[in-house]
């Protein structure tokens, strides 16, 4: 019986095949003469057993052949060309939790290549409204030069990774 769900309506499950009884799998490993002697009148059926034994013996090999054949028949689709994508990533140097922003940097990428970056600045002396104002100015600059209206993503890095040469965190560590 098929049940129709909104999520499962596109993917129909194939009915599972019946499992071969363990006794038949063990019997398939024997020769026909041994199987007839062992099972004799109680189980052996001349109409069913030869084909069932053959199926049990060769099932794994035939299934792997079918699988390889299906995989070979799959078509590979390739996309000829994608439009060039220019995007910007906002990099925030900020500690864990609700800590203030230590520094901000921006990277501009075109497809998989970095084409520009905005030099990182320290923000630890700024109040939150000044940080927001600076980010808006960055977006205006990116919009003017590259047509970028918003950041594709933002990355939060530990302040100890701040790339600014005269960073007080770097001076404390060295």
Protein backbone atom coordinates (compact mmCIF):
# COMPACT_ATOMS: atom_id res chain seq x y z
CA UNK A 1 0.00 0.00 0.00
CA UNK A 2 1.38 3.37 -0.99
CA UNK A 3 1.03 6.30 1.36
CA UNK A 4 1.16 9.74 -0.14
CA UNK A 5 2.87 12.48 1.84
CA UNK A 6 3.65 15.90 0.50
CA UNK A 7 7.38 15.27 0.99
CA UNK A 8 7.35 11.66 -0.18
CA UNK A 9 5.05 12.04 -3.17
CA UNK A 10 7.98 12.65 -5.55
CA UNK A 11 10.03 9.73 -4.27
CA UNK A 12 8.25 6.42 -4.44
CA UNK A 13 9.81 3.53 -2.63
CA UNK A 14 10.42 0.38 -4.58
CA UNK A 15 8.80 -2.63 -2.94
CA UNK A 16 11.39 -4.69 -1.14
CA UNK A 17 12.14 -8.10 -2.57
CA UNK A 18 11.49 -11.15 -0.47
CA UNK A 19 14.47 -12.45 1.42
CA UNK A 20 15.77 -15.87 0.45
CA UNK A 21 15.34 -18.24 3.40
CA UNK A 22 18.62 -18.99 5.21
CA UNK A 23 18.08 -22.70 4.67
CA UNK A 24 17.99 -22.14 0.88
CA UNK A 25 21.13 -19.98 0.97
CA UNK A 26 22.99 -22.75 2.82
CA UNK A 27 21.57 -25.33 0.40
CA UNK A 28 22.77 -23.30 -2.60
CA UNK A 29 26.36 -23.82 -1.50
CA UNK A 30 25.94 -27.60 -1.78
CA UNK A 31 25.86 -29.65 -4.96
CA UNK A 32 22.41 -30.69 -6.20
CA UNK A 33 23.03 -34.30 -5.14
CA UNK A 34 24.10 -33.25 -1.63
CA UNK A 35 21.07 -30.93 -1.32
CA UNK A 36 18.65 -33.68 -2.40
CA UNK A 37 20.24 -36.13 0.04
CA UNK A 38 20.26 -33.65 2.92
CA UNK A 39 16.76 -32.26 2.45
CA UNK A 40 15.18 -35.16 0.63
CA UNK A 41 11.40 -35.40 0.83
CA UNK A 42 10.95 -32.69 3.50
CA UNK A 43 12.03 -29.65 1.51
CA UNK A 44 13.31 -30.39 -1.99
CA UNK A 45 10.94 -29.34 -4.75
CA UNK A 46 12.12 -30.18 -8.25
CA UNK A 47 10.09 -27.32 -9.78
CA UNK A 48 11.43 -24.56 -7.49
CA UNK A 49 14.77 -25.55 -5.93
CA UNK A 50 17.11 -25.57 -8.99
CA UNK A 51 16.26 -22.00 -10.00
CA UNK A 52 16.17 -20.77 -6.40
CA UNK A 53 19.58 -22.30 -5.71
CA UNK A 54 21.01 -20.76 -8.88
CA UNK A 55 19.59 -17.38 -7.94
CA UNK A 56 21.04 -17.61 -4.41
CA UNK A 57 24.47 -18.63 -5.72
CA UNK A 58 24.74 -15.90 -8.34
CA UNK A 59 22.69 -13.10 -6.75
CA UNK A 60 25.62 -10.94 -5.56
CA UNK A 61 27.49 -11.16 -8.87
CA UNK A 62 24.38 -10.37 -10.93
CA UNK A 63 23.40 -7.46 -8.66
CA UNK A 64 26.86 -5.93 -8.94
CA UNK A 65 26.76 -6.33 -12.74
CA UNK A 66 23.36 -4.62 -12.86
CA UNK A 67 24.64 -1.84 -10.63
CA UNK A 68 27.70 -1.28 -12.83
CA UNK A 69 25.49 -1.26 -15.91
CA UNK A 70 23.14 1.34 -14.36
CA UNK A 71 26.09 3.50 -13.34
CA UNK A 72 27.52 3.31 -16.87
CA UNK A 73 24.17 4.32 -18.36
CA UNK A 74 23.90 7.44 -16.18
CA UNK A 75 24.44 10.55 -18.20
CA UNK A 76 26.77 13.24 -16.97
CA UNK A 77 25.48 16.74 -17.47
CA UNK A 78 27.86 19.67 -17.61
CA UNK A 79 27.12 23.35 -17.53
CA UNK A 80 28.86 25.17 -20.35
CA UNK A 81 29.34 28.53 -18.73
CA UNK A 82 28.21 30.23 -15.59
CA UNK A 83 27.82 33.97 -15.34
CA UNK A 84 30.68 35.66 -13.54
CA UNK A 85 29.78 36.39 -9.93
CA UNK A 86 31.34 39.20 -7.91
CA UNK A 87 30.72 39.15 -4.18
CA UNK A 88 32.11 40.53 -0.95
CA UNK A 89 32.83 38.88 2.39
CA UNK A 90 32.80 40.86 5.61
CA UNK A 91 35.50 39.69 8.03
CA UNK A 92 34.90 40.52 11.67
CA UNK A 93 37.65 40.06 14.23
CA UNK A 94 35.57 39.50 17.32
CA UNK A 95 35.85 37.38 20.45
CA UNK A 96 33.43 34.72 21.59
CA UNK A 97 30.00 35.74 22.84
CA UNK A 98 28.77 39.32 22.90
CA UNK A 99 32.24 40.87 22.79
CA UNK A 100 32.91 44.13 20.94
CA UNK A 101 34.21 44.10 17.37
CA UNK A 102 38.02 44.25 17.41
CA UNK A 103 38.54 44.82 13.69
CA UNK A 104 36.85 44.75 10.29
CA UNK A 105 38.15 43.76 6.87
CA UNK A 106 36.48 43.06 3.53
CA UNK A 107 37.46 40.77 0.66
CA UNK A 108 36.01 41.08 -2.85
CA UNK A 109 35.91 37.90 -4.92
CA UNK A 110 35.08 37.21 -8.54
CA UNK A 111 34.16 33.56 -8.94
CA UNK A 112 37.05 31.78 -7.16
CA UNK A 113 39.63 34.57 -7.29
CA UNK A 114 40.16 37.37 -4.79
CA UNK A 115 40.25 40.60 -6.77
CA UNK A 116 40.34 43.23 -4.02
CA UNK A 117 40.42 43.74 -0.30
CA UNK A 118 39.72 46.58 2.05
CA UNK A 119 42.55 47.15 4.50
CA UNK A 120 41.51 45.98 7.98
CA UNK A 121 40.91 48.62 10.63
CA UNK A 122 40.64 48.45 14.40
CA UNK A 123 37.17 49.07 15.79
CA UNK A 124 37.76 48.59 19.53
CA UNK A 125 37.61 52.36 20.10
CA UNK A 126 34.28 52.71 18.20
CA UNK A 127 30.79 52.53 19.65
CA UNK A 128 28.33 50.13 17.91
CA UNK A 129 26.65 52.90 15.90
CA UNK A 130 30.02 53.95 14.47
CA UNK A 131 30.78 50.33 13.48
CA UNK A 132 27.41 50.10 11.69
CA UNK A 133 28.06 53.42 9.96
CA UNK A 134 31.50 52.20 8.79
CA UNK A 135 29.97 48.98 7.41
CA UNK A 136 27.37 51.04 5.50
CA UNK A 137 30.17 53.18 4.02
CA UNK A 138 31.95 50.00 2.96
CA UNK A 139 28.78 48.81 1.20
CA UNK A 140 28.44 52.16 -0.58
CA UNK A 141 32.06 51.89 -1.76
CA UNK A 142 31.53 48.30 -2.95
CA UNK A 143 28.31 49.30 -4.71
CA UNK A 144 30.04 52.13 -6.51
CA UNK A 145 33.00 50.04 -7.73
CA UNK A 146 31.54 46.53 -8.12
CA UNK A 147 27.74 46.85 -7.96
CA UNK A 148 27.61 44.91 -4.65
CA UNK A 149 24.62 45.86 -2.51
CA UNK A 150 25.15 43.49 0.42
CA UNK A 151 27.72 41.06 1.75
CA UNK A 152 27.50 37.48 0.54
CA UNK A 153 28.61 36.27 3.96
CA UNK A 154 30.40 37.34 7.08
CA UNK A 155 33.25 35.50 8.74
CA UNK A 156 33.98 35.81 12.43
CA UNK A 157 37.62 35.34 13.37
CA UNK A 158 39.38 35.44 16.73
CA UNK A 159 40.94 38.84 17.52
CA UNK A 160 44.32 37.12 18.02
CA UNK A 161 44.32 36.55 14.24
CA UNK A 162 44.13 40.31 13.57
CA UNK A 163 46.36 41.08 10.54
CA UNK A 164 47.10 44.68 11.50
CA UNK A 165 50.85 45.06 12.14
CA UNK A 166 50.67 47.35 15.17
CA UNK A 167 47.82 45.44 16.87
CA UNK A 168 48.12 45.54 20.65
CA UNK A 169 47.14 41.85 20.82
CA UNK A 170 50.11 40.92 18.64
CA UNK A 171 52.44 43.05 20.75
CA UNK A 172 51.28 41.27 23.93
CA UNK A 173 51.83 37.79 22.44
CA UNK A 174 55.38 38.46 21.15
